[in-house]
Amino acid sequence: MGSGGFASLLLRTSFAFTCSQRRFKSFSPSPSTSGAHQHHRMAAEASPSANDGAASSFPSDSSAIDFLSLCHNLKKTKRAGWVKRNVNNPESISDHMYRMGLMALIAPDIPGIDRDKCIKMAIVHDIAEAIVGDITPCDGISKAEKSRQEQEALDQMCKLLGGGLRAKEIHQLWMEYEENSSLEAKIVKDFDKVEMILQALEYENEQERDLDEFFQSTEGKFQTEVGKAWALEIASRRRGH
């Protein structure tokens, strides 16, 4: 949506936005980062729509499509680790999250674990990268600063979505993952590492590369039995290692 569209939307919904400000925390826009200036502006200008009269529940049609359009960046942004190693046709961020969602879907039942929550967490854990991109340790950005930038981006995305129940659910899932504060978060963090080394194995086999550093980076870091078991299976399939 262009700036003219957002201006019109803001005029139509100024009363609803004034009321919604009393119910929801306001989010401040951050400075633009690497090619995402337009999306920062979109997130900063967006407000809940009064079309459905329920800004506190679900996003309007307009907010939903704006949010999904922003998430297009996840489909077209390549995972930086593979790009830096000159892997041919590297996966996108959304490719990575999709297979993690499948991992959560097919994982064995574990007492006390909400599988549906794991699936949801898998498909939102990197969602802030739609704005900040895929920040890696090689970029010289501290973990604390990376987390700050991503949380700021997440806040903007939740505002763009309308700040209602769906936005709050995404925010809660992302925070649990970021803080490793639930059993589901621990499993999904393991899936994040498992998916990476499985992809590394596939690139090694398809492109005759040595990506051992990715395997080494995960050694001793798995928190769950399913994560450890799947990582062991992947390691057993490597050739010449």
Protein backbone atom coordinates (compact mmCIF):
# COMPACT_ATOMS: atom_id res chain seq x y z
CA MET A 1 0.00 0.00 0.00
CA GLY A 2 1.42 3.41 -0.97
CA SER A 3 1.68 6.40 1.33
CA GLY A 4 -1.53 7.85 -0.20
CA GLY A 5 -3.41 4.67 0.73
CA PHE A 6 -2.18 4.79 4.30
CA ALA A 7 -3.08 8.51 4.56
CA SER A 8 -6.62 7.71 3.47
CA LEU A 9 -6.80 4.80 5.90
CA LEU A 10 -5.62 7.00 8.76
CA LEU A 11 -8.30 9.64 7.98
CA ARG A 12 -11.05 7.01 7.91
CA THR A 13 -10.02 5.42 11.17
CA SER A 14 -8.71 8.31 13.28
CA PHE A 15 -11.46 7.89 15.88
CA ALA A 16 -10.87 4.13 16.19
CA PHE A 17 -7.15 4.68 16.55
CA THR A 18 -7.66 7.30 19.29
CA CYS A 19 -9.76 4.80 21.25
CA SER A 20 -7.37 1.94 20.62
CA GLN A 21 -4.44 3.96 21.98
CA ARG A 22 -6.08 3.80 25.39
CA ARG A 23 -6.29 0.02 25.23
CA PHE A 24 -2.96 -0.94 23.72
CA LYS A 25 0.67 -0.04 24.25
CA SER A 26 1.96 2.36 21.61
CA PHE A 27 4.94 1.29 19.57
CA SER A 28 7.59 3.76 18.46
CA PRO A 29 9.10 3.34 15.01
CA SER A 30 12.81 2.62 14.78
CA PRO A 31 15.30 3.97 12.28
CA SER A 32 15.30 2.10 8.99
CA THR A 33 17.80 -0.71 8.49
CA SER A 34 19.29 -2.20 5.31
CA GLY A 35 16.72 -1.76 2.56
CA ALA A 36 13.62 -1.84 4.78
CA HIS A 37 12.91 1.93 4.98
CA GLN A 38 9.52 1.63 3.31
CA HIS A 39 8.40 -1.15 5.63
CA HIS A 40 9.51 0.79 8.70
CA ARG A 41 7.36 3.67 7.50
CA MET A 42 4.41 1.35 6.88
CA ALA A 43 4.64 -0.08 10.36
CA ALA A 44 5.00 3.33 11.97
CA GLU A 45 1.97 4.78 10.18
CA ALA A 46 -0.39 1.79 10.48
CA SER A 47 -3.36 1.91 12.84
CA PRO A 48 -6.19 -0.51 13.70
CA SER A 49 -9.12 -0.29 11.31
CA ALA A 50 -12.68 0.32 12.44
CA ASN A 51 -14.06 -1.77 9.59
CA ASP A 52 -14.98 -4.67 11.85
CA GLY A 53 -15.51 -2.55 14.97
CA ALA A 54 -13.21 -4.85 16.94
CA ALA A 55 -9.65 -3.53 16.97
CA SER A 56 -9.12 -5.52 20.16
CA SER A 57 -9.80 -8.89 18.51
CA PHE A 58 -8.69 -9.61 14.94
CA PRO A 59 -6.94 -7.61 12.21
CA SER A 60 -8.94 -5.89 9.50
CA ASP A 61 -8.64 -7.16 5.95
CA SER A 62 -6.40 -4.20 5.12
CA SER A 63 -4.10 -4.79 8.11
CA ALA A 64 -3.87 -8.50 7.36
CA ILE A 65 -2.79 -7.94 3.74
CA ASP A 66 -0.32 -5.21 4.74
CA PHE A 67 1.22 -7.59 7.28
CA LEU A 68 1.40 -10.46 4.81
CA SER A 69 2.96 -8.18 2.18
CA LEU A 70 5.67 -7.22 4.66
CA CYS A 71 6.27 -10.92 5.35
CA HIS A 72 7.06 -11.32 1.64
CA ASN A 73 10.56 -10.20 2.64
CA LEU A 74 10.95 -13.54 4.42
CA LYS A 75 10.39 -15.34 1.13
CA LYS A 76 12.91 -13.31 -0.85
CA THR A 77 15.66 -12.85 1.77
CA LYS A 78 18.29 -15.57 1.59
CA ARG A 79 19.74 -17.01 4.80
CA ALA A 80 22.93 -15.06 5.40
CA GLY A 81 25.06 -17.98 6.60
CA TRP A 82 24.75 -19.74 3.27
CA VAL A 83 25.22 -16.53 1.28
CA LYS A 84 28.49 -15.81 3.11
CA ARG A 85 29.72 -19.32 2.19
CA ASN A 86 28.80 -18.81 -1.46
CA VAL A 87 26.26 -21.64 -1.47
CA ASN A 88 24.43 -21.85 -4.79
CA ASN A 89 20.74 -20.94 -4.64
CA PRO A 90 20.58 -20.71 -0.85
CA GLU A 91 17.32 -21.13 1.04
CA SER A 92 15.22 -18.17 2.15
CA ILE A 93 14.25 -17.35 5.72
CA SER A 94 10.73 -18.62 5.09
CA ASP A 95 12.10 -21.87 3.61
CA HIS A 96 13.87 -22.44 6.92
CA MET A 97 10.80 -21.65 9.03
CA TYR A 98 8.53 -23.82 6.90
CA ARG A 99 10.60 -26.96 7.39
CA MET A 100 10.83 -26.20 11.10
CA GLY A 101 7.03 -26.12 11.12
CA LEU A 102 7.03 -29.56 9.51
CA MET A 103 9.46 -30.78 12.16
CA ALA A 104 7.06 -29.67 14.88
CA LEU A 105 4.19 -31.32 13.00
CA ILE A 106 5.83 -34.76 12.72
CA ALA A 107 7.73 -34.80 16.02
CA PRO A 108 6.75 -37.51 18.51
CA ASP A 109 4.26 -36.63 21.21
CA ILE A 110 5.97 -35.51 24.41
CA PRO A 111 4.05 -35.29 27.71
CA GLY A 112 3.38 -31.70 28.69
CA ILE A 113 4.25 -30.30 25.25
CA ASP A 114 1.69 -28.41 23.16
CA ARG A 115 2.48 -29.49 19.61
CA ASP A 116 0.27 -26.84 18.01
CA LYS A 117 2.13 -24.18 19.98
CA CYS A 118 5.44 -25.57 18.69
CA ILE A 119 4.19 -25.33 15.10
CA LYS A 120 3.10 -21.73 15.59
CA MET A 121 6.35 -20.82 17.30
CA ALA A 122 8.36 -22.35 14.45
CA ILE A 123 6.64 -20.18 11.84
CA VAL A 124 7.08 -16.92 13.80
CA HIS A 125 10.48 -17.34 15.50
CA ASP A 126 12.36 -15.47 12.73
CA ILE A 127 9.49 -13.21 11.68
CA ALA A 128 11.24 -9.98 12.76
CA GLU A 129 13.82 -10.66 10.05
CA ALA A 130 11.24 -9.35 7.57
CA ILE A 131 12.48 -5.91 8.72
CA VAL A 132 15.99 -6.36 10.16
CA GLY A 133 17.19 -9.12 7.85
CA ASP A 134 19.20 -12.19 8.87
CA ILE A 135 21.79 -10.91 11.35
CA THR A 136 24.67 -13.34 11.94
CA PRO A 137 27.61 -13.35 14.38
CA CYS A 138 29.84 -12.33 11.46
CA ASP A 139 28.05 -8.98 11.29
CA GLY A 140 29.71 -7.76 14.48
CA ILE A 141 26.41 -7.06 16.24
CA SER A 142 26.11 -8.21 19.85
CA LYS A 143 23.39 -10.63 20.90
CA ALA A 144 21.82 -7.93 23.04
CA GLU A 145 21.72 -5.44 20.17
CA LYS A 146 20.40 -8.08 17.76
CA SER A 147 17.62 -8.89 20.23
CA ARG A 148 16.81 -5.19 20.67
CA GLN A 149 16.57 -4.60 16.93
CA GLU A 150 14.43 -7.68 16.40
CA GLN A 151 12.07 -6.87 19.26
CA GLU A 152 11.64 -3.34 17.94
CA ALA A 153 10.84 -4.79 14.51
CA LEU A 154 8.40 -7.27 16.03
CA ASP A 155 6.61 -4.44 17.85
CA GLN A 156 6.23 -2.60 14.54
CA MET A 157 4.86 -5.71 12.84
CA CYS A 158 2.34 -6.30 15.62
CA LYS A 159 1.23 -2.68 15.31
CA LEU A 160 0.88 -3.11 11.55
CA LEU A 161 -1.30 -6.18 12.21
CA GLY A 162 -3.60 -4.10 14.38
CA GLY A 163 -2.41 -4.87 17.90
CA GLY A 164 -5.23 -7.31 18.65
CA LEU A 165 -5.38 -10.94 19.71
CA ARG A 166 -3.45 -12.30 16.72
CA ALA A 167 -0.70 -9.73 17.16
CA LYS A 168 -0.49 -10.48 20.87
CA GLU A 169 -0.24 -14.21 20.18
CA ILE A 170 2.62 -13.68 17.73
CA HIS A 171 4.37 -11.40 20.21
CA GLN A 172 4.02 -13.91 23.05
CA LEU A 173 5.26 -16.82 20.94
CA TRP A 174 8.26 -14.82 19.74
CA MET A 175 9.16 -13.70 23.26
CA GLU A 176 8.95 -17.25 24.64
CA TYR A 177 11.28 -18.42 21.91
CA GLU A 178 13.67 -15.51 22.36
CA GLU A 179 13.84 -16.04 26.13
CA ASN A 180 13.88 -19.86 25.90
CA SER A 181 11.26 -19.69 28.64
CA SER A 182 9.06 -22.71 27.93
CA LEU A 183 9.43 -26.38 27.05
CA GLU A 184 8.02 -25.60 23.61
CA ALA A 185 10.67 -22.92 23.11
CA LYS A 186 13.44 -25.39 23.97
CA ILE A 187 12.14 -27.88 21.42
CA VAL A 188 11.75 -25.25 18.70
CA LYS A 189 15.25 -23.94 19.38
CA ASP A 190 16.49 -27.48 18.84
CA PHE A 191 14.51 -27.67 15.60
CA ASP A 192 16.21 -24.43 14.50
CA LYS A 193 19.62 -26.09 14.88
CA VAL A 194 18.46 -29.42 13.43
CA GLU A 195 17.06 -27.72 10.34
CA MET A 196 20.33 -25.84 9.85
CA ILE A 197 22.55 -28.92 9.98
CA LEU A 198 20.14 -30.90 7.80
CA GLN A 199 20.35 -28.11 5.24
CA ALA A 200 24.13 -28.09 5.61
CA LEU A 201 24.22 -31.83 4.91
CA GLU A 202 22.07 -31.37 1.82
CA TYR A 203 24.30 -28.59 0.49
CA GLU A 204 27.38 -30.74 1.16
CA ASN A 205 25.89 -33.61 -0.84
CA GLU A 206 24.45 -31.49 -3.66
CA GLN A 207 27.33 -29.06 -4.13
CA GLU A 208 30.30 -31.06 -2.85
CA ARG A 209 31.07 -28.55 -0.12
CA ASP A 210 32.53 -28.86 3.35
CA LEU A 211 30.22 -27.09 5.80
CA ASP A 212 31.59 -28.70 8.93
CA GLU A 213 31.58 -25.38 10.81
CA PHE A 214 27.78 -25.47 10.97
CA PHE A 215 27.85 -28.89 12.62
CA GLN A 216 30.53 -27.78 15.05
CA SER A 217 28.53 -24.70 16.01
CA THR A 218 25.69 -26.88 17.34
CA GLU A 219 27.72 -29.48 19.24
CA GLY A 220 26.55 -29.86 22.84
CA LYS A 221 23.82 -27.26 22.43
CA PHE A 222 20.74 -29.43 21.99
CA GLN A 223 18.33 -29.24 24.93
CA THR A 224 15.81 -31.99 24.19
CA GLU A 225 15.88 -35.71 23.46
CA VAL A 226 14.20 -35.32 20.08
CA GLY A 227 16.70 -32.64 19.10
CA LYS A 228 19.65 -34.79 20.14
CA ALA A 229 18.25 -37.87 18.37
CA TRP A 230 17.58 -36.09 15.08
CA ALA A 231 20.96 -34.35 15.15
CA LEU A 232 22.67 -37.69 15.71
CA GLU A 233 20.80 -39.22 12.77
CA ILE A 234 21.85 -36.35 10.51
CA ALA A 235 25.48 -36.62 11.62
CA SER A 236 25.44 -40.36 10.87
CA ARG A 237 24.54 -39.64 7.25
CA ARG A 238 27.46 -37.37 6.47
CA ARG A 239 30.04 -38.67 4.01
CA GLY A 240 33.73 -38.62 4.79
CA HIS A 241 33.37 -37.19 8.31
